[in-house]
Amino acid sequence: AQHPRLRKAAAEAVAWSAGAAEADALRQGLPHADPDVRQRAAWGLAALGDASVLPNLLGEEFARVLGPDRALAAAVALGGPAERLLAGFLDHLDAGVRDRARLVHLLLELRD
């Protein structure tokens, strides 16, 4: 509780390495008081395709804590349920984020 950098690093490691079997461990991080833990847990679940974290992704805290590129990646991982979020990146203030969003949209169109 007194080591925010350690909590952040641990949450990051779990988010990146979790498989479906560890989804419950990530869900336990969602109500955590520390936004670094909470949003990294949401990121990990989004990467696993768990659309229940979409409200996290839509909130300002997610992009503030993890950055717009991680939010874009989470939207891509969720697919259809995050279509509105993904489309929103086409109007992002950062030109690089807009370009990456355009590329994602093009690739998704080619896939279909």
C-alpha atoms as a PDB file:
ATOM      1  CA  ALA A   1       0.000   0.000   0.000  1.00  0.00           C
ATOM      2  CA  GLN A   2       2.902   2.336   0.604  1.00  0.00           C
ATOM      3  CA  HIS A   3       4.744   1.434  -2.594  1.00  0.00           C
ATOM      4  CA  PRO A   4       2.882   2.935  -5.560  1.00  0.00           C
ATOM      5  CA  ARG A   5       5.749   2.318  -8.026  1.00  0.00           C
ATOM      6  CA  LEU A   6       5.838  -1.353  -7.082  1.00  0.00           C
ATOM      7  CA  ARG A   7       2.032  -1.645  -7.391  1.00  0.00           C
ATOM      8  CA  LYS A   8       2.184  -0.006 -10.808  1.00  0.00           C
ATOM      9  CA  ALA A   9       4.958  -2.336 -12.001  1.00  0.00           C
ATOM     10  CA  ALA A  10       3.171  -5.421 -10.682  1.00  0.00           C
ATOM     11  CA  ALA A  11      -0.105  -4.398 -12.301  1.00  0.00           C
ATOM     12  CA  GLU A  12       1.716  -3.767 -15.590  1.00  0.00           C
ATOM     13  CA  ALA A  13       3.362  -7.195 -15.486  1.00  0.00           C
ATOM     14  CA  VAL A  14       0.089  -8.974 -14.750  1.00  0.00           C
ATOM     15  CA  ALA A  15      -1.759  -7.033 -17.457  1.00  0.00           C
ATOM     16  CA  TRP A  16       0.797  -7.939 -20.138  1.00  0.00           C
ATOM     17  CA  SER A  17       1.262 -11.563 -19.148  1.00  0.00           C
ATOM     18  CA  ALA A  18      -2.220 -12.648 -18.104  1.00  0.00           C
ATOM     19  CA  GLY A  19      -4.034 -15.297 -20.022  1.00  0.00           C
ATOM     20  CA  ALA A  20      -7.664 -16.310 -19.722  1.00  0.00           C
ATOM     21  CA  ALA A  21      -6.871 -18.271 -16.566  1.00  0.00           C
ATOM     22  CA  GLU A  22      -5.666 -15.081 -14.842  1.00  0.00           C
ATOM     23  CA  ALA A  23      -8.696 -12.981 -15.785  1.00  0.00           C
ATOM     24  CA  ASP A  24     -10.062 -13.242 -12.240  1.00  0.00           C
ATOM     25  CA  ALA A  25      -6.838 -11.784 -10.867  1.00  0.00           C
ATOM     26  CA  LEU A  26      -7.220  -8.843 -13.230  1.00  0.00           C
ATOM     27  CA  ARG A  27     -10.871  -8.379 -12.228  1.00  0.00           C
ATOM     28  CA  GLN A  28      -9.757  -8.084  -8.612  1.00  0.00           C
ATOM     29  CA  GLY A  29      -7.729  -5.030  -9.621  1.00  0.00           C
ATOM     30  CA  LEU A  30     -10.688  -3.162 -11.147  1.00  0.00           C
ATOM     31  CA  PRO A  31     -12.037  -1.702  -7.881  1.00  0.00           C
ATOM     32  CA  HIS A  32      -8.557  -0.835  -6.571  1.00  0.00           C
ATOM     33  CA  ALA A  33      -8.119   2.684  -5.199  1.00  0.00           C
ATOM     34  CA  ASP A  34      -4.932   3.241  -7.219  1.00  0.00           C
ATOM     35  CA  PRO A  35      -5.763   4.315 -10.804  1.00  0.00           C
ATOM     36  CA  ASP A  36      -2.513   2.748 -12.060  1.00  0.00           C
ATOM     37  CA  VAL A  37      -3.677  -0.651 -10.821  1.00  0.00           C
ATOM     38  CA  ARG A  38      -7.313  -0.165 -11.805  1.00  0.00           C
ATOM     39  CA  GLN A  39      -6.626   0.893 -15.386  1.00  0.00           C
ATOM     40  CA  ARG A  40      -3.879  -1.655 -15.987  1.00  0.00           C
ATOM     41  CA  ALA A  41      -6.309  -4.348 -14.879  1.00  0.00           C
ATOM     42  CA  ALA A  42      -8.839  -2.950 -17.372  1.00  0.00           C
ATOM     43  CA  TRP A  43      -6.163  -2.970 -20.088  1.00  0.00           C
ATOM     44  CA  GLY A  44      -5.307  -6.606 -19.377  1.00  0.00           C
ATOM     45  CA  LEU A  45      -8.954  -7.637 -19.537  1.00  0.00           C
ATOM     46  CA  ALA A  46      -9.485  -5.683 -22.753  1.00  0.00           C
ATOM     47  CA  ALA A  47      -6.476  -7.461 -24.269  1.00  0.00           C
ATOM     48  CA  LEU A  48      -8.220 -10.730 -23.381  1.00  0.00           C
ATOM     49  CA  GLY A  49     -11.363  -9.523 -25.166  1.00  0.00           C
ATOM     50  CA  ASP A  50     -13.446  -8.832 -22.048  1.00  0.00           C
ATOM     51  CA  ALA A  51     -15.889  -6.102 -23.128  1.00  0.00           C
ATOM     52  CA  SER A  52     -17.063  -5.569 -19.537  1.00  0.00           C
ATOM     53  CA  VAL A  53     -14.203  -3.051 -19.181  1.00  0.00           C
ATOM     54  CA  LEU A  54     -15.476  -0.824 -21.990  1.00  0.00           C
ATOM     55  CA  PRO A  55     -16.697   1.809 -19.465  1.00  0.00           C
ATOM     56  CA  ASN A  56     -13.113   2.022 -18.174  1.00  0.00           C
ATOM     57  CA  LEU A  57     -11.805   2.563 -21.688  1.00  0.00           C
ATOM     58  CA  LEU A  58     -14.352   5.298 -22.348  1.00  0.00           C
ATOM     59  CA  GLY A  59     -13.394   7.199 -19.206  1.00  0.00           C
ATOM     60  CA  GLU A  60     -10.819   9.988 -19.185  1.00  0.00           C
ATOM     61  CA  GLU A  61      -8.792   8.226 -16.510  1.00  0.00           C
ATOM     62  CA  PHE A  62      -7.813   5.338 -18.779  1.00  0.00           C
ATOM     63  CA  ALA A  63      -6.187   7.541 -21.440  1.00  0.00           C
ATOM     64  CA  ARG A  64      -4.628   9.764 -18.796  1.00  0.00           C
ATOM     65  CA  VAL A  65      -3.060   6.815 -16.956  1.00  0.00           C
ATOM     66  CA  LEU A  66      -2.087   4.655 -19.924  1.00  0.00           C
ATOM     67  CA  GLY A  67      -2.023   7.041 -22.867  1.00  0.00           C
ATOM     68  CA  PRO A  68      -4.011   7.144 -26.082  1.00  0.00           C
ATOM     69  CA  ASP A  69      -2.011   4.431 -27.843  1.00  0.00           C
ATOM     70  CA  ARG A  70      -2.848   1.878 -25.152  1.00  0.00           C
ATOM     71  CA  ALA A  71      -6.506   2.948 -25.323  1.00  0.00           C
ATOM     72  CA  LEU A  72      -6.421   2.500 -29.108  1.00  0.00           C
ATOM     73  CA  ALA A  73      -4.869  -0.951 -28.713  1.00  0.00           C
ATOM     74  CA  ALA A  74      -7.518  -1.909 -26.148  1.00  0.00           C
ATOM     75  CA  ALA A  75     -10.267  -0.801 -28.540  1.00  0.00           C
ATOM     76  CA  VAL A  76      -8.747  -2.924 -31.297  1.00  0.00           C
ATOM     77  CA  ALA A  77      -8.534  -5.923 -28.967  1.00  0.00           C
ATOM     78  CA  LEU A  78     -12.216  -5.602 -28.069  1.00  0.00           C
ATOM     79  CA  GLY A  79     -13.357  -5.289 -31.661  1.00  0.00           C
ATOM     80  CA  GLY A  80     -17.047  -4.649 -32.297  1.00  0.00           C
ATOM     81  CA  PRO A  81     -18.070  -3.636 -28.771  1.00  0.00           C
ATOM     82  CA  ALA A  82     -15.459  -0.829 -28.866  1.00  0.00           C
ATOM     83  CA  GLU A  83     -16.267   0.385 -32.376  1.00  0.00           C
ATOM     84  CA  ARG A  84     -17.406   3.811 -31.118  1.00  0.00           C
ATOM     85  CA  LEU A  85     -14.210   4.246 -29.115  1.00  0.00           C
ATOM     86  CA  LEU A  86     -12.095   3.189 -32.076  1.00  0.00           C
ATOM     87  CA  ALA A  87     -13.861   5.646 -34.377  1.00  0.00           C
ATOM     88  CA  GLY A  88     -13.227   8.442 -31.882  1.00  0.00           C
ATOM     89  CA  PHE A  89      -9.489   8.116 -32.413  1.00  0.00           C
ATOM     90  CA  LEU A  90      -9.935   9.337 -35.979  1.00  0.00           C
ATOM     91  CA  ASP A  91     -10.511  12.801 -34.477  1.00  0.00           C
ATOM     92  CA  HIS A  92      -7.766  12.654 -31.844  1.00  0.00           C
ATOM     93  CA  LEU A  93      -5.760  15.837 -31.248  1.00  0.00           C
ATOM     94  CA  ASP A  94      -2.468  14.003 -31.806  1.00  0.00           C
ATOM     95  CA  ALA A  95      -1.745  13.467 -35.515  1.00  0.00           C
ATOM     96  CA  GLY A  96       0.211  10.286 -34.805  1.00  0.00           C
ATOM     97  CA  VAL A  97      -2.721   8.757 -32.939  1.00  0.00           C
ATOM     98  CA  ARG A  98      -5.065   9.765 -35.790  1.00  0.00           C
ATOM     99  CA  ASP A  99      -2.721   8.142 -38.313  1.00  0.00           C
ATOM    100  CA  ARG A 100      -2.550   4.914 -36.309  1.00  0.00           C
ATOM    101  CA  ALA A 101      -6.355   4.900 -36.007  1.00  0.00           C
ATOM    102  CA  ARG A 102      -6.691   5.341 -39.780  1.00  0.00           C
ATOM    103  CA  LEU A 103      -4.298   2.458 -40.342  1.00  0.00           C
ATOM    104  CA  VAL A 104      -6.291   0.261 -37.971  1.00  0.00           C
ATOM    105  CA  HIS A 105      -9.516   1.122 -39.800  1.00  0.00           C
ATOM    106  CA  LEU A 106      -7.923   0.341 -43.170  1.00  0.00           C
ATOM    107  CA  LEU A 107      -6.602  -2.984 -41.926  1.00  0.00           C
ATOM    108  CA  LEU A 108      -9.987  -3.886 -40.475  1.00  0.00           C
ATOM    109  CA  GLU A 109     -11.656  -3.083 -43.797  1.00  0.00           C
ATOM    110  CA  LEU A 110      -9.170  -5.262 -45.652  1.00  0.00           C
ATOM    111  CA  ARG A 111      -9.875  -8.097 -43.232  1.00  0.00           C
ATOM    112  CA  ASP A 112     -13.601  -7.935 -43.958  1.00  0.00           C
END
